[in-house]
């Protein structure tokens, strides 16, 4: 639940592997991943992507992590 971000002293959020597994190729999963990365940045939280298995997945996540503006 997103309410936990306000209630508990959270330092890191995790992107579930179910979203990572569909990358690249799923516009919906990519939108969710981008939103989580942007939310983490806005809240000054670390973001961990679980289940990265391909170079294409790693590159997409790294690109978004470095991107300062929304896609």
Protein backbone atom coordinates (compact mmCIF):
# COMPACT_ATOMS: atom_id res chain seq x y z
CA UNK A 1 0.00 0.00 0.00
CA UNK A 2 1.27 3.45 -0.85
CA UNK A 3 0.12 4.72 2.55
CA UNK A 4 3.10 2.87 4.07
CA UNK A 5 5.36 5.40 2.39
CA UNK A 6 4.03 8.01 4.81
CA UNK A 7 3.51 5.86 7.91
CA UNK A 8 6.81 4.03 8.18
CA UNK A 9 10.46 5.14 7.97
CA UNK A 10 11.03 3.61 4.54
CA UNK A 11 14.35 4.17 2.79
CA UNK A 12 13.89 1.94 -0.26
CA UNK A 13 11.13 0.79 -2.57
CA UNK A 14 11.26 -2.32 -4.71
CA UNK A 15 10.00 -2.82 -8.24
CA UNK A 16 8.44 -6.28 -8.31
CA UNK A 17 9.88 -8.80 -10.76
CA UNK A 18 6.47 -9.23 -12.39
CA UNK A 19 6.88 -5.76 -13.93
CA UNK A 20 10.53 -6.32 -14.84
CA UNK A 21 9.84 -9.66 -16.55
CA UNK A 22 7.67 -7.95 -19.20
CA UNK A 23 10.40 -5.48 -20.16
CA UNK A 24 11.05 -4.44 -22.79
CA UNK A 25 7.87 -4.82 -24.77
CA UNK A 26 5.04 -4.06 -22.35
CA UNK A 27 3.97 -0.43 -22.37
CA UNK A 28 1.99 -0.98 -19.18
CA UNK A 29 4.91 -2.50 -17.26
CA UNK A 30 7.25 0.18 -18.53
CA UNK A 31 4.84 2.92 -17.40
CA UNK A 32 4.65 1.37 -13.92
CA UNK A 33 8.43 1.02 -13.69
CA UNK A 34 8.95 4.62 -14.78
CA UNK A 35 6.34 5.84 -12.28
CA UNK A 36 7.97 3.93 -9.42
CA UNK A 37 11.40 5.31 -10.29
CA UNK A 38 10.04 8.86 -10.48
CA UNK A 39 8.15 8.44 -7.20
CA UNK A 40 11.29 7.13 -5.53
CA UNK A 41 13.25 10.11 -6.78
CA UNK A 42 10.59 12.58 -5.62
CA UNK A 43 10.49 10.98 -2.16
CA UNK A 44 14.29 10.67 -2.00
CA UNK A 45 14.09 6.88 -1.67
CA UNK A 46 16.37 4.23 -3.11
CA UNK A 47 14.74 2.06 -5.75
CA UNK A 48 15.62 -1.60 -6.29
CA UNK A 49 14.49 -3.56 -9.34
CA UNK A 50 13.95 -7.23 -8.56
CA UNK A 51 14.56 -9.96 -11.13
CA UNK A 52 16.58 -8.13 -13.76
CA UNK A 53 17.78 -10.91 -16.07
CA UNK A 54 18.62 -9.31 -19.41
CA UNK A 55 20.83 -6.50 -20.59
CA UNK A 56 17.80 -4.86 -22.24
CA UNK A 57 15.99 -4.76 -18.89
CA UNK A 58 19.05 -3.35 -17.14
CA UNK A 59 19.52 -0.67 -19.80
CA UNK A 60 15.89 0.43 -19.68
CA UNK A 61 15.95 0.74 -15.89
CA UNK A 62 19.32 2.51 -15.88
CA UNK A 63 18.10 4.95 -18.54
CA UNK A 64 15.07 5.80 -16.44
CA UNK A 65 17.10 6.09 -13.26
CA UNK A 66 19.35 8.65 -14.96
CA UNK A 67 16.48 10.48 -16.67
CA UNK A 68 15.50 13.63 -14.82
CA UNK A 69 12.32 14.28 -16.79
CA UNK A 70 9.27 12.07 -17.36
CA UNK A 71 9.09 10.10 -20.59
